[in-house]
Amino acid sequence: MKKMNTLFALLFVSAGVFAQTMWNVDKNHTNIQFNVSHMVVSEVNGSFTDFTGAVKSKSDDFNGADVEFTAKVASISTNNEKRDGHLKSDDFFNAEKFPEVKFKGTLVKENGKYLLKGNLTLRDVTKPVTFDVTYGGTVDTGNGVKAGFKLNGKINRLEYGLKWSNKLANGEMVVGDQVEIVCKIELNKAAA
């Protein structure tokens, strides 16, 4: 009987250790944005309006959580129809041939700071990336539990084949190579 109780105790503890909580991106309270320099003196920003994301967490503080995200390239918006059409063309994203931007990685806590490390795929080119993350915490709304994060980082668009690069008369680039990514993310805890 003592062996049986020990076995049940081990199974119970193991189940708790390996329990995972699923979280889904709340699209109504999430912004996926990017900023890029324009004509050297200013910035243009844009966003993706059609996206999905999920987080699988093994701990209450999200350390070690698995993160997956997909955005539809056709949903890109800079509040300028002509510019959006150019971004969807082969000069940039080529929405027809490469319809999705994907990310898969892990949220880790290092030296008291959160980092999101993983692989970003644009135009079927996959590169490792690391983003700084601010964890805003969790709250029980009475209608479910929510968690909040802010993500910030940079990528070089040329490394992903977003190749358009006209120059100004002074030799400076019309569109900068470095793209800042800023995401404000709200998650909903999935029902058990």
N, C-alpha and C. Protein backbone atom coordinates (compact mmCIF):
# COMPACT_ATOMS: atom_id res chain seq x y z
N MET A 1 0.81 -1.20 0.00
CA MET A 1 0.00 0.00 0.00
C MET A 1 0.86 1.26 0.00
N LYS A 2 1.98 1.21 0.74
CA LYS A 2 2.87 2.36 0.81
C LYS A 2 3.47 2.66 -0.57
N LYS A 3 3.82 1.58 -1.32
CA LYS A 3 4.36 1.76 -2.66
C LYS A 3 3.32 2.39 -3.58
N MET A 4 2.07 1.98 -3.43
CA MET A 4 0.98 2.51 -4.26
C MET A 4 0.78 4.00 -3.97
N ASN A 5 0.81 4.39 -2.69
CA ASN A 5 0.65 5.81 -2.33
C ASN A 5 1.81 6.63 -2.88
N THR A 6 3.02 6.09 -2.82
CA THR A 6 4.19 6.78 -3.36
C THR A 6 4.05 6.96 -4.86
N LEU A 7 3.57 5.94 -5.56
CA LEU A 7 3.37 6.01 -7.01
C LEU A 7 2.36 7.10 -7.36
N PHE A 8 1.22 7.12 -6.63
CA PHE A 8 0.21 8.15 -6.88
C PHE A 8 0.76 9.54 -6.60
N ALA A 9 1.54 9.68 -5.56
CA ALA A 9 2.13 10.98 -5.23
C ALA A 9 3.07 11.45 -6.34
N LEU A 10 3.89 10.52 -6.85
CA LEU A 10 4.80 10.86 -7.94
C LEU A 10 4.04 11.25 -9.20
N LEU A 11 3.00 10.52 -9.52
CA LEU A 11 2.19 10.84 -10.69
C LEU A 11 1.54 12.21 -10.55
N PHE A 12 1.04 12.52 -9.36
CA PHE A 12 0.39 13.81 -9.11
C PHE A 12 1.40 14.95 -9.27
N VAL A 13 2.57 14.79 -8.68
CA VAL A 13 3.61 15.82 -8.78
C VAL A 13 4.07 15.96 -10.22
N SER A 14 4.26 14.83 -10.92
CA SER A 14 4.69 14.88 -12.32
C SER A 14 3.67 15.61 -13.17
N ALA A 15 2.39 15.35 -12.93
CA ALA A 15 1.33 16.01 -13.70
C ALA A 15 1.39 17.51 -13.48
N GLY A 16 1.65 17.94 -12.27
CA GLY A 16 1.76 19.37 -11.97
C GLY A 16 2.97 19.99 -12.63
N VAL A 17 4.08 19.28 -12.65
CA VAL A 17 5.30 19.78 -13.24
C VAL A 17 5.14 19.95 -14.75
N PHE A 18 4.46 19.01 -15.40
CA PHE A 18 4.35 19.04 -16.85
C PHE A 18 3.05 19.69 -17.34
N ALA A 19 2.23 20.19 -16.43
CA ALA A 19 0.99 20.85 -16.84
C ALA A 19 1.33 22.09 -17.65
N GLN A 20 0.56 22.30 -18.70
CA GLN A 20 0.79 23.46 -19.55
C GLN A 20 -0.50 24.25 -19.66
N THR A 21 -0.34 25.56 -19.69
CA THR A 21 -1.48 26.45 -19.84
C THR A 21 -1.43 27.04 -21.24
N MET A 22 -2.56 26.99 -21.93
CA MET A 22 -2.64 27.56 -23.27
C MET A 22 -3.21 28.97 -23.20
N TRP A 23 -2.64 29.86 -23.99
CA TRP A 23 -3.08 31.24 -24.10
C TRP A 23 -3.22 31.57 -25.58
N ASN A 24 -4.23 32.35 -25.93
CA ASN A 24 -4.44 32.77 -27.31
C ASN A 24 -4.40 34.29 -27.41
N VAL A 25 -3.89 34.78 -28.52
CA VAL A 25 -3.82 36.22 -28.75
C VAL A 25 -5.22 36.79 -28.87
N ASP A 26 -5.48 37.85 -28.12
CA ASP A 26 -6.74 38.60 -28.21
C ASP A 26 -6.56 39.64 -29.32
N LYS A 27 -7.10 39.34 -30.50
CA LYS A 27 -6.89 40.21 -31.67
C LYS A 27 -7.44 41.62 -31.47
N ASN A 28 -8.49 41.76 -30.67
CA ASN A 28 -9.09 43.06 -30.47
C ASN A 28 -8.26 43.98 -29.58
N HIS A 29 -7.29 43.41 -28.86
CA HIS A 29 -6.47 44.20 -27.95
C HIS A 29 -4.98 43.98 -28.20
N THR A 30 -4.63 43.66 -29.43
CA THR A 30 -3.24 43.40 -29.80
C THR A 30 -2.89 44.22 -31.05
N ASN A 31 -1.70 44.79 -31.07
CA ASN A 31 -1.21 45.54 -32.22
C ASN A 31 0.14 44.97 -32.65
N ILE A 32 0.24 44.64 -33.94
CA ILE A 32 1.49 44.13 -34.51
C ILE A 32 1.98 45.20 -35.47
N GLN A 33 2.98 45.98 -35.05
CA GLN A 33 3.41 47.14 -35.82
C GLN A 33 4.88 47.07 -36.21
N PHE A 34 5.21 47.86 -37.23
CA PHE A 34 6.61 48.00 -37.63
C PHE A 34 6.84 49.46 -38.01
N ASN A 35 8.10 49.90 -37.86
CA ASN A 35 8.52 51.25 -38.22
C ASN A 35 9.79 51.14 -39.04
N VAL A 36 9.89 51.99 -40.05
CA VAL A 36 11.10 52.01 -40.88
C VAL A 36 11.38 53.45 -41.29
N SER A 37 12.66 53.80 -41.38
CA SER A 37 13.00 55.17 -41.75
C SER A 37 12.61 55.43 -43.20
N HIS A 38 12.17 56.66 -43.46
CA HIS A 38 11.74 57.06 -44.80
C HIS A 38 12.40 58.39 -45.16
N MET A 39 13.11 58.41 -46.27
CA MET A 39 13.80 59.62 -46.74
C MET A 39 14.78 60.14 -45.70
N VAL A 40 15.25 59.28 -44.82
CA VAL A 40 16.26 59.54 -43.80
C VAL A 40 15.73 60.42 -42.65
N VAL A 41 14.79 61.31 -42.93
CA VAL A 41 14.39 62.31 -41.95
C VAL A 41 13.15 61.95 -41.15
N SER A 42 12.45 60.87 -41.53
CA SER A 42 11.22 60.52 -40.81
C SER A 42 11.04 59.01 -40.79
N GLU A 43 9.92 58.57 -40.26
CA GLU A 43 9.60 57.15 -40.22
C GLU A 43 8.20 56.91 -40.75
N VAL A 44 8.01 55.75 -41.33
CA VAL A 44 6.69 55.28 -41.72
C VAL A 44 6.39 54.07 -40.87
N ASN A 45 5.16 54.00 -40.36
CA ASN A 45 4.80 52.82 -39.60
C ASN A 45 3.65 52.09 -40.27
N GLY A 46 3.53 50.84 -39.93
CA GLY A 46 2.47 50.01 -40.48
C GLY A 46 2.13 48.90 -39.51
N SER A 47 1.17 48.11 -39.91
CA SER A 47 0.75 47.01 -39.05
C SER A 47 0.18 45.88 -39.88
N PHE A 48 0.03 44.73 -39.24
CA PHE A 48 -0.70 43.60 -39.80
C PHE A 48 -2.01 43.51 -39.05
N THR A 49 -3.12 43.37 -39.78
CA THR A 49 -4.43 43.36 -39.12
C THR A 49 -5.04 41.96 -39.04
N ASP A 50 -4.49 41.00 -39.77
CA ASP A 50 -4.99 39.62 -39.72
C ASP A 50 -3.87 38.73 -39.22
N PHE A 51 -4.02 38.20 -38.01
CA PHE A 51 -2.96 37.40 -37.41
C PHE A 51 -3.55 36.46 -36.37
N THR A 52 -2.77 35.45 -36.03
CA THR A 52 -3.12 34.52 -34.95
C THR A 52 -1.87 34.26 -34.14
N GLY A 53 -2.06 33.89 -32.89
CA GLY A 53 -0.92 33.56 -32.05
C GLY A 53 -1.36 32.75 -30.86
N ALA A 54 -0.44 31.94 -30.38
CA ALA A 54 -0.71 31.10 -29.22
C ALA A 54 0.55 30.97 -28.38
N VAL A 55 0.35 30.85 -27.08
CA VAL A 55 1.44 30.67 -26.13
C VAL A 55 1.11 29.46 -25.27
N LYS A 56 2.09 28.59 -25.12
CA LYS A 56 1.96 27.42 -24.26
C LYS A 56 2.95 27.58 -23.13
N SER A 57 2.42 27.81 -21.90
CA SER A 57 3.28 28.12 -20.77
C SER A 57 3.29 26.99 -19.75
N LYS A 58 4.48 26.71 -19.24
CA LYS A 58 4.64 25.68 -18.21
C LYS A 58 4.74 26.29 -16.81
N SER A 59 4.82 27.66 -16.76
CA SER A 59 4.98 28.32 -15.46
C SER A 59 4.10 29.56 -15.40
N ASP A 60 3.81 30.00 -14.18
CA ASP A 60 2.96 31.17 -13.99
C ASP A 60 3.60 32.46 -14.51
N ASP A 61 4.93 32.51 -14.54
CA ASP A 61 5.61 33.73 -15.00
C ASP A 61 6.00 33.68 -16.48
N PHE A 62 5.55 32.65 -17.20
CA PHE A 62 5.77 32.48 -18.64
C PHE A 62 7.22 32.15 -19.02
N ASN A 63 8.10 31.97 -18.05
CA ASN A 63 9.48 31.61 -18.37
C ASN A 63 9.49 30.24 -19.05
N GLY A 64 10.08 30.18 -20.23
CA GLY A 64 10.15 28.93 -20.98
C GLY A 64 8.93 28.66 -21.84
N ALA A 65 8.02 29.63 -21.95
CA ALA A 65 6.80 29.43 -22.73
C ALA A 65 7.10 29.31 -24.22
N ASP A 66 6.39 28.42 -24.89
CA ASP A 66 6.49 28.27 -26.34
C ASP A 66 5.54 29.27 -27.01
N VAL A 67 6.04 29.96 -28.03
CA VAL A 67 5.27 31.01 -28.69
C VAL A 67 5.21 30.73 -30.18
N GLU A 68 4.00 30.83 -30.75
CA GLU A 68 3.82 30.71 -32.21
C GLU A 68 2.95 31.86 -32.67
N PHE A 69 3.31 32.42 -33.84
CA PHE A 69 2.58 33.56 -34.36
C PHE A 69 2.59 33.51 -35.88
N THR A 70 1.46 33.88 -36.50
CA THR A 70 1.35 33.96 -37.96
C THR A 70 0.57 35.20 -38.32
N ALA A 71 1.08 35.98 -39.29
CA ALA A 71 0.37 37.15 -39.81
C ALA A 71 0.17 36.96 -41.31
N LYS A 72 -0.98 37.38 -41.81
CA LYS A 72 -1.27 37.34 -43.25
C LYS A 72 -0.69 38.60 -43.89
N VAL A 73 0.20 38.41 -44.86
CA VAL A 73 0.85 39.54 -45.52
C VAL A 73 -0.18 40.44 -46.21
N ALA A 74 -1.23 39.87 -46.76
CA ALA A 74 -2.26 40.67 -47.45
C ALA A 74 -2.94 41.66 -46.52
N SER A 75 -2.78 41.50 -45.21
CA SER A 75 -3.44 42.40 -44.25
C SER A 75 -2.56 43.59 -43.87
N ILE A 76 -1.41 43.74 -44.52
CA ILE A 76 -0.51 44.84 -44.17
C ILE A 76 -1.19 46.18 -44.43
N SER A 77 -1.01 47.12 -43.50
CA SER A 77 -1.65 48.42 -43.63
C SER A 77 -0.72 49.52 -43.14
N THR A 78 -0.52 50.53 -43.99
CA THR A 78 0.22 51.73 -43.61
C THR A 78 -0.66 52.97 -43.76
N ASN A 79 -1.96 52.76 -43.91
CA ASN A 79 -2.93 53.84 -44.14
C ASN A 79 -2.69 54.57 -45.46
N ASN A 80 -2.11 53.84 -46.42
CA ASN A 80 -1.88 54.40 -47.76
C ASN A 80 -2.00 53.24 -48.75
N GLU A 81 -3.08 53.24 -49.52
CA GLU A 81 -3.39 52.10 -50.39
C GLU A 81 -2.28 51.83 -51.42
N LYS A 82 -1.73 52.89 -52.00
CA LYS A 82 -0.66 52.72 -53.00
C LYS A 82 0.58 52.08 -52.36
N ARG A 83 0.97 52.59 -51.20
CA ARG A 83 2.14 52.06 -50.50
C ARG A 83 1.90 50.62 -50.06
N ASP A 84 0.68 50.33 -49.58
CA ASP A 84 0.35 48.96 -49.18
C ASP A 84 0.47 48.01 -50.36
N GLY A 85 0.00 48.45 -51.53
CA GLY A 85 0.13 47.62 -52.73
C GLY A 85 1.58 47.36 -53.08
N HIS A 86 2.44 48.40 -52.92
CA HIS A 86 3.87 48.22 -53.20
C HIS A 86 4.49 47.23 -52.21
N LEU A 87 4.11 47.32 -50.93
CA LEU A 87 4.64 46.40 -49.93
C LEU A 87 4.22 44.96 -50.19
N LYS A 88 3.06 44.76 -50.78
CA LYS A 88 2.57 43.41 -51.09
C LYS A 88 3.19 42.85 -52.37
N SER A 89 3.88 43.70 -53.13
CA SER A 89 4.50 43.29 -54.40
C SER A 89 5.81 42.55 -54.15
N ASP A 90 6.42 42.10 -55.25
CA ASP A 90 7.68 41.35 -55.14
C ASP A 90 8.85 42.23 -54.69
N ASP A 91 8.72 43.55 -54.76
CA ASP A 91 9.78 44.43 -54.24
C ASP A 91 9.97 44.24 -52.74
N PHE A 92 8.87 43.86 -52.08
CA PHE A 92 8.93 43.69 -50.63
C PHE A 92 8.45 42.28 -50.24
N PHE A 93 7.24 42.13 -49.75
CA PHE A 93 6.79 40.86 -49.17
C PHE A 93 6.35 39.80 -50.18
N ASN A 94 5.89 40.20 -51.35
CA ASN A 94 5.31 39.30 -52.34
C ASN A 94 4.21 38.44 -51.71
N ALA A 95 3.10 39.11 -51.39
CA ALA A 95 1.98 38.48 -50.68
C ALA A 95 1.40 37.29 -51.43
N GLU A 96 1.45 37.34 -52.75
CA GLU A 96 0.87 36.24 -53.54
C GLU A 96 1.68 34.96 -53.38
N LYS A 97 2.98 35.07 -53.48
CA LYS A 97 3.85 33.88 -53.40
C LYS A 97 4.17 33.48 -51.96
N PHE A 98 4.28 34.45 -51.07
CA PHE A 98 4.63 34.20 -49.67
C PHE A 98 3.58 34.85 -48.77
N PRO A 99 2.44 34.21 -48.60
CA PRO A 99 1.28 34.85 -47.95
C PRO A 99 1.37 35.04 -46.44
N GLU A 100 2.37 34.44 -45.79
CA GLU A 100 2.40 34.53 -44.33
C GLU A 100 3.78 34.91 -43.78
N VAL A 101 3.76 35.64 -42.69
CA VAL A 101 4.93 35.90 -41.85
C VAL A 101 4.75 34.99 -40.65
N LYS A 102 5.81 34.24 -40.29
CA LYS A 102 5.68 33.29 -39.18
C LYS A 102 6.80 33.47 -38.17
N PHE A 103 6.46 33.19 -36.93
CA PHE A 103 7.44 33.18 -35.85
C PHE A 103 7.17 31.98 -34.97
N LYS A 104 8.24 31.33 -34.55
CA LYS A 104 8.14 30.23 -33.58
C LYS A 104 9.35 30.33 -32.67
N GLY A 105 9.08 30.36 -31.35
CA GLY A 105 10.20 30.49 -30.42
C GLY A 105 9.80 30.30 -28.98
N THR A 106 10.66 30.81 -28.09
CA THR A 106 10.50 30.61 -26.65
C THR A 106 10.71 31.92 -25.91
N LEU A 107 9.84 32.17 -24.93
CA LEU A 107 9.98 33.33 -24.05
C LEU A 107 10.83 32.91 -22.86
N VAL A 108 11.93 33.60 -22.64
CA VAL A 108 12.84 33.22 -21.55
C VAL A 108 13.11 34.43 -20.66
N LYS A 109 13.37 34.13 -19.41
CA LYS A 109 13.70 35.16 -18.43
C LYS A 109 15.18 35.02 -18.10
N GLU A 110 15.96 36.06 -18.41
CA GLU A 110 17.40 36.05 -18.16
C GLU A 110 17.79 37.30 -17.40
N ASN A 111 18.42 37.13 -16.23
CA ASN A 111 18.85 38.26 -15.41
C ASN A 111 17.71 39.23 -15.13
N GLY A 112 16.53 38.69 -14.85
CA GLY A 112 15.38 39.51 -14.50
C GLY A 112 14.67 40.14 -15.68
N LYS A 113 15.16 39.91 -16.92
CA LYS A 113 14.54 40.48 -18.10
C LYS A 113 14.00 39.37 -18.99
N TYR A 114 12.93 39.67 -19.69
CA TYR A 114 12.35 38.72 -20.62
C TYR A 114 12.88 38.95 -22.03
N LEU A 115 13.14 37.85 -22.72
CA LEU A 115 13.54 37.86 -24.12
C LEU A 115 12.70 36.85 -24.87
N LEU A 116 12.34 37.18 -26.10
CA LEU A 116 11.67 36.23 -26.98
C LEU A 116 12.68 35.82 -28.03
N LYS A 117 13.06 34.54 -28.01
CA LYS A 117 14.07 34.02 -28.93
C LYS A 117 13.43 32.97 -29.83
N GLY A 118 13.73 33.06 -31.12
CA GLY A 118 13.16 32.06 -32.01
C GLY A 118 13.51 32.34 -33.45
N ASN A 119 12.69 31.81 -34.35
CA ASN A 119 12.92 31.93 -35.78
C ASN A 119 11.79 32.70 -36.44
N LEU A 120 12.16 33.73 -37.19
CA LEU A 120 11.21 34.54 -37.94
C LEU A 120 11.34 34.18 -39.41
N THR A 121 10.19 33.94 -40.07
CA THR A 121 10.18 33.58 -41.47
C THR A 121 9.41 34.62 -42.27
N LEU A 122 10.12 35.22 -43.24
CA LEU A 122 9.53 36.14 -44.22
C LEU A 122 9.99 35.68 -45.60
N ARG A 123 9.09 35.64 -46.56
CA ARG A 123 9.43 35.24 -47.93
C ARG A 123 10.17 33.89 -47.94
N ASP A 124 9.78 32.98 -47.08
CA ASP A 124 10.40 31.65 -46.96
C ASP A 124 11.86 31.70 -46.54
N VAL A 125 12.31 32.82 -46.01
CA VAL A 125 13.65 32.94 -45.43
C VAL A 125 13.47 32.94 -43.92
N THR A 126 14.15 32.01 -43.25
CA THR A 126 14.04 31.89 -41.79
C THR A 126 15.37 32.27 -41.15
N LYS A 127 15.28 33.19 -40.18
CA LYS A 127 16.47 33.66 -39.47
C LYS A 127 16.19 33.69 -37.98
N PRO A 128 17.22 33.42 -37.16
CA PRO A 128 17.04 33.54 -35.71
C PRO A 128 16.94 35.01 -35.31
N VAL A 129 16.04 35.31 -34.38
CA VAL A 129 15.86 36.68 -33.89
C VAL A 129 15.69 36.66 -32.37
N THR A 130 15.97 37.79 -31.76
CA THR A 130 15.73 37.97 -30.32
C THR A 130 15.07 39.33 -30.13
N PHE A 131 13.97 39.33 -29.38
CA PHE A 131 13.24 40.56 -29.09
C PHE A 131 13.22 40.79 -27.59
N ASP A 132 13.31 42.06 -27.19
CA ASP A 132 13.13 42.44 -25.80
C ASP A 132 11.64 42.39 -25.48
N VAL A 133 11.29 41.91 -24.29
CA VAL A 133 9.89 41.77 -23.91
C VAL A 133 9.67 42.38 -22.53
N THR A 134 8.61 43.15 -22.41
CA THR A 134 8.15 43.64 -21.11
C THR A 134 6.88 42.87 -20.76
N TYR A 135 6.89 42.21 -19.63
CA TYR A 135 5.74 41.43 -19.18
C TYR A 135 4.92 42.31 -18.25
N GLY A 136 3.67 42.58 -18.64
CA GLY A 136 2.81 43.46 -17.87
C GLY A 136 2.07 42.78 -16.73
N GLY A 137 2.09 41.43 -16.72
CA GLY A 137 1.41 40.70 -15.66
C GLY A 137 0.12 40.05 -16.15
N THR A 138 -0.62 39.48 -15.19
CA THR A 138 -1.90 38.84 -15.50
C THR A 138 -2.98 39.45 -14.62
N VAL A 139 -4.22 39.31 -15.10
CA VAL A 139 -5.36 39.81 -14.34
C VAL A 139 -6.55 38.90 -14.59
N ASP A 140 -7.30 38.63 -13.54
CA ASP A 140 -8.55 37.88 -13.67
C ASP A 140 -9.66 38.91 -13.83
N THR A 141 -10.28 38.94 -14.99
CA THR A 141 -11.29 39.95 -15.30
C THR A 141 -12.68 39.59 -14.77
N GLY A 142 -12.82 38.39 -14.25
CA GLY A 142 -14.14 37.90 -13.89
C GLY A 142 -14.78 37.13 -15.03
N ASN A 143 -14.31 37.41 -16.25
CA ASN A 143 -14.74 36.68 -17.45
C ASN A 143 -13.59 35.91 -18.07
N GLY A 144 -12.54 35.74 -17.32
CA GLY A 144 -11.36 35.05 -17.83
C GLY A 144 -10.09 35.75 -17.40
N VAL A 145 -8.98 35.06 -17.60
CA VAL A 145 -7.68 35.59 -17.21
C VAL A 145 -6.96 36.12 -18.45
N LYS A 146 -6.35 37.29 -18.31
CA LYS A 146 -5.59 37.91 -19.39
C LYS A 146 -4.15 38.14 -18.95
N ALA A 147 -3.26 38.19 -19.94
CA ALA A 147 -1.86 38.52 -19.70
C ALA A 147 -1.44 39.54 -20.75
N GLY A 148 -0.49 40.41 -20.40
CA GLY A 148 -0.06 41.44 -21.32
C GLY A 148 1.44 41.49 -21.49
N PHE A 149 1.86 41.80 -22.73
CA PHE A 149 3.28 41.88 -23.07
C PHE A 149 3.50 43.00 -24.08
N LYS A 150 4.70 43.57 -24.05
CA LYS A 150 5.14 44.48 -25.10
C LYS A 150 6.46 43.94 -25.63
N LEU A 151 6.56 43.85 -26.93
CA LEU A 151 7.74 43.28 -27.59
C LEU A 151 8.38 44.35 -28.46
N ASN A 152 9.72 44.38 -28.48
CA ASN A 152 10.43 45.37 -29.27
C ASN A 152 11.72 44.76 -29.79
N GLY A 153 12.00 44.99 -31.06
CA GLY A 153 13.25 44.50 -31.64
C GLY A 153 13.43 45.02 -33.05
N LYS A 154 14.55 44.65 -33.67
CA LYS A 154 14.86 45.10 -35.03
C LYS A 154 15.32 43.93 -35.89
N ILE A 155 14.99 44.03 -37.17
CA ILE A 155 15.51 43.08 -38.16
C ILE A 155 16.02 43.88 -39.35
N ASN A 156 16.88 43.26 -40.15
CA ASN A 156 17.34 43.85 -41.40
C ASN A 156 16.48 43.25 -42.52
N ARG A 157 15.67 44.09 -43.16
CA ARG A 157 14.73 43.59 -44.17
C ARG A 157 15.43 42.94 -45.36
N LEU A 158 16.64 43.41 -45.69
CA LEU A 158 17.36 42.86 -46.84
C LEU A 158 17.73 41.39 -46.63
N GLU A 159 17.94 40.99 -45.38
CA GLU A 159 18.28 39.60 -45.08
C GLU A 159 17.12 38.65 -45.40
N TYR A 160 15.91 39.21 -45.51
CA TYR A 160 14.73 38.40 -45.80
C TYR A 160 14.24 38.57 -47.25
N GLY A 161 15.02 39.24 -48.07
CA GLY A 161 14.65 39.39 -49.48
C GLY A 161 13.70 40.54 -49.76
N LEU A 162 13.48 41.44 -48.81
CA LEU A 162 12.68 42.64 -49.06
C LEU A 162 13.64 43.66 -49.65
N LYS A 163 13.83 43.57 -50.97
CA LYS A 163 15.02 44.08 -51.64
C LYS A 163 14.94 45.50 -52.18
N TRP A 164 13.76 46.09 -52.27
CA TRP A 164 13.64 47.40 -52.91
C TRP A 164 14.52 48.40 -52.19
N SER A 165 15.34 49.16 -52.96
CA SER A 165 16.30 50.05 -52.30
C SER A 165 16.67 51.25 -53.17
N ASN A 166 15.71 52.05 -53.56
CA ASN A 166 16.02 53.27 -54.29
C ASN A 166 16.77 54.25 -53.39
N LYS A 167 17.57 55.11 -54.05
CA LYS A 167 18.36 56.08 -53.30
C LYS A 167 17.94 57.51 -53.65
N LEU A 168 18.15 58.38 -52.69
CA LEU A 168 17.94 59.81 -52.91
C LEU A 168 19.13 60.36 -53.68
N ALA A 169 19.01 61.60 -54.15
CA ALA A 169 20.10 62.24 -54.91
C ALA A 169 21.40 62.30 -54.11
N ASN A 170 21.29 62.40 -52.78
CA ASN A 170 22.49 62.48 -51.95
C ASN A 170 23.08 61.10 -51.61
N GLY A 171 22.47 60.04 -52.15
CA GLY A 171 22.98 58.69 -51.92
C GLY A 171 22.34 57.95 -50.76
N GLU A 172 21.55 58.66 -49.96
CA GLU A 172 20.85 58.03 -48.84
C GLU A 172 19.69 57.18 -49.34
N MET A 173 19.32 56.17 -48.55
CA MET A 173 18.25 55.26 -48.93
C MET A 173 16.87 55.89 -48.70
N VAL A 174 15.95 55.65 -49.65
CA VAL A 174 14.57 56.11 -49.50
C VAL A 174 13.92 55.38 -48.32
N VAL A 175 14.15 54.05 -48.26
CA VAL A 175 13.61 53.22 -47.17
C VAL A 175 14.80 52.58 -46.45
N GLY A 176 14.83 52.70 -45.14
CA GLY A 176 15.93 52.14 -44.37
C GLY A 176 15.94 50.62 -44.39
N ASP A 177 17.11 50.06 -44.13
CA ASP A 177 17.25 48.60 -44.08
C ASP A 177 16.75 48.02 -42.75
N GLN A 178 16.92 48.79 -41.67
CA GLN A 178 16.52 48.32 -40.35
C GLN A 178 15.03 48.57 -40.11
N VAL A 179 14.33 47.53 -39.71
CA VAL A 179 12.90 47.64 -39.43
C VAL A 179 12.69 47.37 -37.95
N GLU A 180 12.08 48.31 -37.27
CA GLU A 180 11.75 48.14 -35.86
C GLU A 180 10.39 47.46 -35.76
N ILE A 181 10.32 46.43 -34.94
CA ILE A 181 9.07 45.72 -34.72
C ILE A 181 8.62 46.01 -33.29
N VAL A 182 7.37 46.47 -33.17
CA VAL A 182 6.80 46.79 -31.86
C VAL A 182 5.44 46.12 -31.78
N CYS A 183 5.28 45.23 -30.82
CA CYS A 183 4.01 44.50 -30.66
C CYS A 183 3.50 44.69 -29.24
N LYS A 184 2.24 45.07 -29.15
CA LYS A 184 1.55 45.14 -27.86
C LYS A 184 0.53 44.02 -27.84
N ILE A 185 0.75 43.06 -26.98
CA ILE A 185 0.02 41.79 -27.05
C ILE A 185 -0.77 41.55 -25.79
N GLU A 186 -2.02 41.19 -25.99
CA GLU A 186 -2.88 40.76 -24.88
C GLU A 186 -3.30 39.32 -25.16
N LEU A 187 -3.14 38.47 -24.16
CA LEU A 187 -3.47 37.06 -24.29
C LEU A 187 -4.68 36.71 -23.45
N ASN A 188 -5.48 35.79 -23.94
CA ASN A 188 -6.58 35.21 -23.18
C ASN A 188 -6.22 33.79 -22.78
N LYS A 189 -6.38 33.49 -21.52
CA LYS A 189 -6.13 32.12 -21.05
C LYS A 189 -7.22 31.22 -21.59
N ALA A 190 -6.80 30.12 -22.21
CA ALA A 190 -7.77 29.18 -22.78
C ALA A 190 -8.49 28.44 -21.66
N ALA A 191 -9.74 28.10 -21.90
CA ALA A 191 -10.52 27.35 -20.91
C ALA A 191 -9.88 25.99 -20.68
N ALA A 192 -9.89 25.55 -19.44
CA ALA A 192 -9.26 24.26 -19.09
C ALA A 192 -10.09 23.11 -19.62
